[in-house]
C-alpha atoms as a PDB file:
ATOM      1  CA  UNK A   1       4.262  23.156  40.557  1.00  0.00           C
ATOM      2  CA  UNK A   2       2.739  26.677  40.000  1.00  0.00           C
ATOM      3  CA  UNK A   3      -0.350  27.282  37.752  1.00  0.00           C
ATOM      4  CA  UNK A   4       1.952  29.291  35.589  1.00  0.00           C
ATOM      5  CA  UNK A   5       4.102  26.442  34.842  1.00  0.00           C
ATOM      6  CA  UNK A   6       1.085  24.186  34.203  1.00  0.00           C
ATOM      7  CA  UNK A   7      -0.320  26.722  31.668  1.00  0.00           C
ATOM      8  CA  UNK A   8       3.040  26.669  30.241  1.00  0.00           C
ATOM      9  CA  UNK A   9       3.109  23.004  30.068  1.00  0.00           C
ATOM     10  CA  UNK A  10      -0.298  22.699  28.396  1.00  0.00           C
ATOM     11  CA  UNK A  11       0.539  24.921  25.795  1.00  0.00           C
ATOM     12  CA  UNK A  12       3.592  23.316  24.763  1.00  0.00           C
ATOM     13  CA  UNK A  13       1.522  20.118  24.686  1.00  0.00           C
ATOM     14  CA  UNK A  14      -1.106  21.874  22.505  1.00  0.00           C
ATOM     15  CA  UNK A  15       1.680  23.062  20.232  1.00  0.00           C
ATOM     16  CA  UNK A  16       3.151  19.476  19.805  1.00  0.00           C
ATOM     17  CA  UNK A  17      -0.427  18.003  19.232  1.00  0.00           C
ATOM     18  CA  UNK A  18      -1.248  20.668  16.201  1.00  0.00           C
ATOM     19  CA  UNK A  19       2.154  20.014  14.499  1.00  0.00           C
ATOM     20  CA  UNK A  20       1.851  16.430  14.860  1.00  0.00           C
ATOM     21  CA  UNK A  21      -1.779  16.491  13.171  1.00  0.00           C
ATOM     22  CA  UNK A  22      -1.344  19.932  11.210  1.00  0.00           C
ATOM     23  CA  UNK A  23       1.490  18.628   9.004  1.00  0.00           C
ATOM     24  CA  UNK A  24      -0.237  15.581   7.266  1.00  0.00           C
ATOM     25  CA  UNK A  25      -3.289  17.632   6.742  1.00  0.00           C
ATOM     26  CA  UNK A  26      -1.593  20.596   5.103  1.00  0.00           C
ATOM     27  CA  UNK A  27       0.229  17.754   2.894  1.00  0.00           C
ATOM     28  CA  UNK A  28      -3.116  16.632   1.959  1.00  0.00           C
ATOM     29  CA  UNK A  29      -4.534  19.983   1.658  1.00  0.00           C
ATOM     30  CA  UNK A  30      -1.735  21.228  -0.504  1.00  0.00           C
ATOM     31  CA  UNK A  31      -1.497  17.848  -3.060  1.00  0.00           C
ATOM     32  CA  UNK A  32      -5.606  18.173  -3.326  1.00  0.00           C
ATOM     33  CA  UNK A  33      -6.181  21.804  -4.023  1.00  0.00           C
ATOM     34  CA  UNK A  34      -3.200  22.066  -6.515  1.00  0.00           C
ATOM     35  CA  UNK A  35      -5.116  18.684  -8.517  1.00  0.00           C
ATOM     36  CA  UNK A  36      -8.274  17.985  -7.017  1.00  0.00           C
ATOM     37  CA  UNK A  37      -8.519  14.517  -9.122  1.00  0.00           C
ATOM     38  CA  UNK A  38      -5.408  13.525  -7.625  1.00  0.00           C
ATOM     39  CA  UNK A  39      -6.538  10.689  -5.653  1.00  0.00           C
ATOM     40  CA  UNK A  40      -9.118   9.622  -8.310  1.00  0.00           C
ATOM     41  CA  UNK A  41      -6.069   9.350 -10.919  1.00  0.00           C
ATOM     42  CA  UNK A  42      -4.109   7.386  -8.219  1.00  0.00           C
ATOM     43  CA  UNK A  43      -7.033   4.835  -7.705  1.00  0.00           C
ATOM     44  CA  UNK A  44      -7.335   4.619 -11.200  1.00  0.00           C
ATOM     45  CA  UNK A  45      -3.742   4.151 -12.095  1.00  0.00           C
ATOM     46  CA  UNK A  46      -3.240   1.602  -9.110  1.00  0.00           C
ATOM     47  CA  UNK A  47      -6.210  -0.335 -10.588  1.00  0.00           C
ATOM     48  CA  UNK A  48      -4.793  -0.429 -14.078  1.00  0.00           C
ATOM     49  CA  UNK A  49      -1.104  -1.812 -12.333  1.00  0.00           C
ATOM     50  CA  UNK A  50      -3.081  -4.470 -10.524  1.00  0.00           C
ATOM     51  CA  UNK A  51      -5.107  -5.621 -13.103  1.00  0.00           C
ATOM     52  CA  UNK A  52      -1.589  -5.878 -15.167  1.00  0.00           C
ATOM     53  CA  UNK A  53      -0.459  -8.711 -12.466  1.00  0.00           C
ATOM     54  CA  UNK A  54      -1.617 -11.858 -13.611  1.00  0.00           C
ATOM     55  CA  UNK A  55      -2.305 -14.934 -11.281  1.00  0.00           C
ATOM     56  CA  UNK A  56      -1.352 -18.166 -12.096  1.00  0.00           C
ATOM     57  CA  UNK A  57      -3.394 -19.774 -14.895  1.00  0.00           C
ATOM     58  CA  UNK A  58      -5.733 -22.043 -12.902  1.00  0.00           C
ATOM     59  CA  UNK A  59      -6.009 -19.605  -9.885  1.00  0.00           C
ATOM     60  CA  UNK A  60      -9.476 -19.100  -8.292  1.00  0.00           C
ATOM     61  CA  UNK A  61     -10.347 -15.693  -6.712  1.00  0.00           C
ATOM     62  CA  UNK A  62     -11.941 -16.134  -3.139  1.00  0.00           C
ATOM     63  CA  UNK A  63     -12.106 -12.626  -2.180  1.00  0.00           C
ATOM     64  CA  UNK A  64     -11.215  -9.173  -3.496  1.00  0.00           C
ATOM     65  CA  UNK A  65     -11.186  -5.711  -1.624  1.00  0.00           C
ATOM     66  CA  UNK A  66     -10.061  -2.537  -1.933  1.00  0.00           C
ATOM     67  CA  UNK A  67      -9.319  -0.184   0.887  1.00  0.00           C
ATOM     68  CA  UNK A  68      -9.726   3.341  -0.060  1.00  0.00           C
ATOM     69  CA  UNK A  69      -9.294   6.078   2.582  1.00  0.00           C
ATOM     70  CA  UNK A  70      -8.606   9.545   1.218  1.00  0.00           C
ATOM     71  CA  UNK A  71      -4.720   9.433   0.722  1.00  0.00           C
ATOM     72  CA  UNK A  72      -4.108   5.611   1.404  1.00  0.00           C
ATOM     73  CA  UNK A  73      -5.389   2.896  -1.559  1.00  0.00           C
ATOM     74  CA  UNK A  74      -4.715  -0.463  -1.234  1.00  0.00           C
ATOM     75  CA  UNK A  75      -6.023  -3.333  -3.365  1.00  0.00           C
ATOM     76  CA  UNK A  76      -6.171  -7.044  -2.185  1.00  0.00           C
ATOM     77  CA  UNK A  77      -7.102 -10.469  -3.297  1.00  0.00           C
ATOM     78  CA  UNK A  78      -7.175 -13.941  -1.959  1.00  0.00           C
ATOM     79  CA  UNK A  79      -6.772 -17.000  -4.378  1.00  0.00           C
ATOM     80  CA  UNK A  80      -6.544 -20.719  -4.214  1.00  0.00           C
ATOM     81  CA  UNK A  81      -4.620 -22.660  -6.732  1.00  0.00           C
ATOM     82  CA  UNK A  82      -3.562 -26.433  -7.363  1.00  0.00           C
ATOM     83  CA  UNK A  83       0.441 -25.210  -7.067  1.00  0.00           C
ATOM     84  CA  UNK A  84       2.636 -25.853  -4.286  1.00  0.00           C
ATOM     85  CA  UNK A  85       4.138 -23.320  -2.295  1.00  0.00           C
ATOM     86  CA  UNK A  86       7.417 -22.921  -3.822  1.00  0.00           C
ATOM     87  CA  UNK A  87       5.538 -22.956  -7.344  1.00  0.00           C
ATOM     88  CA  UNK A  88       3.507 -20.158  -6.446  1.00  0.00           C
ATOM     89  CA  UNK A  89       6.611 -18.185  -5.160  1.00  0.00           C
ATOM     90  CA  UNK A  90       8.427 -18.974  -8.395  1.00  0.00           C
ATOM     91  CA  UNK A  91       5.708 -17.688 -10.535  1.00  0.00           C
ATOM     92  CA  UNK A  92       5.355 -14.475  -9.103  1.00  0.00           C
ATOM     93  CA  UNK A  93       9.072 -13.581  -9.085  1.00  0.00           C
ATOM     94  CA  UNK A  94       9.195 -14.227 -12.785  1.00  0.00           C
ATOM     95  CA  UNK A  95       5.993 -12.331 -13.330  1.00  0.00           C
ATOM     96  CA  UNK A  96       6.832  -9.380 -11.462  1.00  0.00           C
ATOM     97  CA  UNK A  97      10.471  -9.345 -12.711  1.00  0.00           C
ATOM     98  CA  UNK A  98       9.231  -9.472 -16.301  1.00  0.00           C
ATOM     99  CA  UNK A  99       6.553  -6.546 -15.666  1.00  0.00           C
ATOM    100  CA  UNK A 100       9.454  -4.228 -13.990  1.00  0.00           C
ATOM    101  CA  UNK A 101       9.143  -4.925 -10.196  1.00  0.00           C
ATOM    102  CA  UNK A 102      12.280  -5.532  -7.954  1.00  0.00           C
ATOM    103  CA  UNK A 103      12.301  -8.183  -5.390  1.00  0.00           C
ATOM    104  CA  UNK A 104      12.780  -6.698  -2.033  1.00  0.00           C
ATOM    105  CA  UNK A 105      12.721 -10.061  -0.101  1.00  0.00           C
ATOM    106  CA  UNK A 106      10.650 -10.863   2.852  1.00  0.00           C
ATOM    107  CA  UNK A 107       9.005  -8.284   5.120  1.00  0.00           C
ATOM    108  CA  UNK A 108       8.734  -9.327   9.159  1.00  0.00           C
ATOM    109  CA  UNK A 109       5.264 -10.911   8.566  1.00  0.00           C
ATOM    110  CA  UNK A 110       7.101 -13.302   5.980  1.00  0.00           C
ATOM    111  CA  UNK A 111       5.166 -11.604   2.984  1.00  0.00           C
ATOM    112  CA  UNK A 112       7.558 -11.775  -0.303  1.00  0.00           C
ATOM    113  CA  UNK A 113       7.712  -7.741  -1.356  1.00  0.00           C
ATOM    114  CA  UNK A 114       8.243  -6.346  -4.731  1.00  0.00           C
ATOM    115  CA  UNK A 115       8.335  -2.563  -5.450  1.00  0.00           C
ATOM    116  CA  UNK A 116       8.173  -0.411  -8.395  1.00  0.00           C
ATOM    117  CA  UNK A 117       8.532   3.279  -7.693  1.00  0.00           C
ATOM    118  CA  UNK A 118       6.247   4.351  -5.075  1.00  0.00           C
ATOM    119  CA  UNK A 119       4.088   0.976  -5.305  1.00  0.00           C
ATOM    120  CA  UNK A 120       4.458  -2.154  -2.932  1.00  0.00           C
ATOM    121  CA  UNK A 121       3.272  -5.468  -3.944  1.00  0.00           C
ATOM    122  CA  UNK A 122       3.231  -8.132  -1.250  1.00  0.00           C
ATOM    123  CA  UNK A 123       2.349 -11.995  -1.394  1.00  0.00           C
ATOM    124  CA  UNK A 124       1.890 -14.430   1.384  1.00  0.00           C
ATOM    125  CA  UNK A 125       1.549 -18.020   0.637  1.00  0.00           C
ATOM    126  CA  UNK A 126      -0.177 -20.686   2.638  1.00  0.00           C
ATOM    127  CA  UNK A 127       0.167 -23.991   1.079  1.00  0.00           C
ATOM    128  CA  UNK A 128      -1.985 -23.601  -2.228  1.00  0.00           C
ATOM    129  CA  UNK A 129      -3.661 -20.821  -1.025  1.00  0.00           C
ATOM    130  CA  UNK A 130      -2.317 -16.929  -1.331  1.00  0.00           C
ATOM    131  CA  UNK A 131      -3.002 -13.324  -0.632  1.00  0.00           C
ATOM    132  CA  UNK A 132      -1.534 -10.490  -2.503  1.00  0.00           C
ATOM    133  CA  UNK A 133      -1.682  -6.576  -2.053  1.00  0.00           C
ATOM    134  CA  UNK A 134      -0.817  -3.708  -3.638  1.00  0.00           C
ATOM    135  CA  UNK A 135      -0.144  -0.553  -1.582  1.00  0.00           C
ATOM    136  CA  UNK A 136       0.755   3.054  -2.613  1.00  0.00           C
ATOM    137  CA  UNK A 137       3.513   4.727  -0.534  1.00  0.00           C
ATOM    138  CA  UNK A 138       4.250   7.773  -2.185  1.00  0.00           C
ATOM    139  CA  UNK A 139       2.449  11.130  -3.098  1.00  0.00           C
ATOM    140  CA  UNK A 140       0.870  12.332  -6.248  1.00  0.00           C
ATOM    141  CA  UNK A 141      -1.183  10.070  -8.849  1.00  0.00           C
ATOM    142  CA  UNK A 142       1.627   8.993 -10.951  1.00  0.00           C
ATOM    143  CA  UNK A 143       4.307   6.202  -9.789  1.00  0.00           C
END
């Protein structure tokens, strides 16, 4: 292989890397420059939507966390409750549908998934413990 071919391959690789990493950066900048508060608004809207989803009446919160990384936001909470797995699932199916969510079934990890616009709500149940999470999968502050 000649040096000329090596330089050509290096340039092609560089172009590929710039395109792969450049597109998400440009998308972020275009969203951010047109609306600098977009991610603050998105986080506030998500928190409001999350607080509208009520856990079962006697559920005890174990841990809550908010993952906030520039464009990705997720909120999750672990609970324990004196209900069986089937009753927890039945409760959330009713709760979520009543609040305008659509059940999409289970994902590959076994989580029960609900969607509402660009929001994705998942619940993983292990006996009387369960983990819920809300993730935004879109662009813009409004769902």
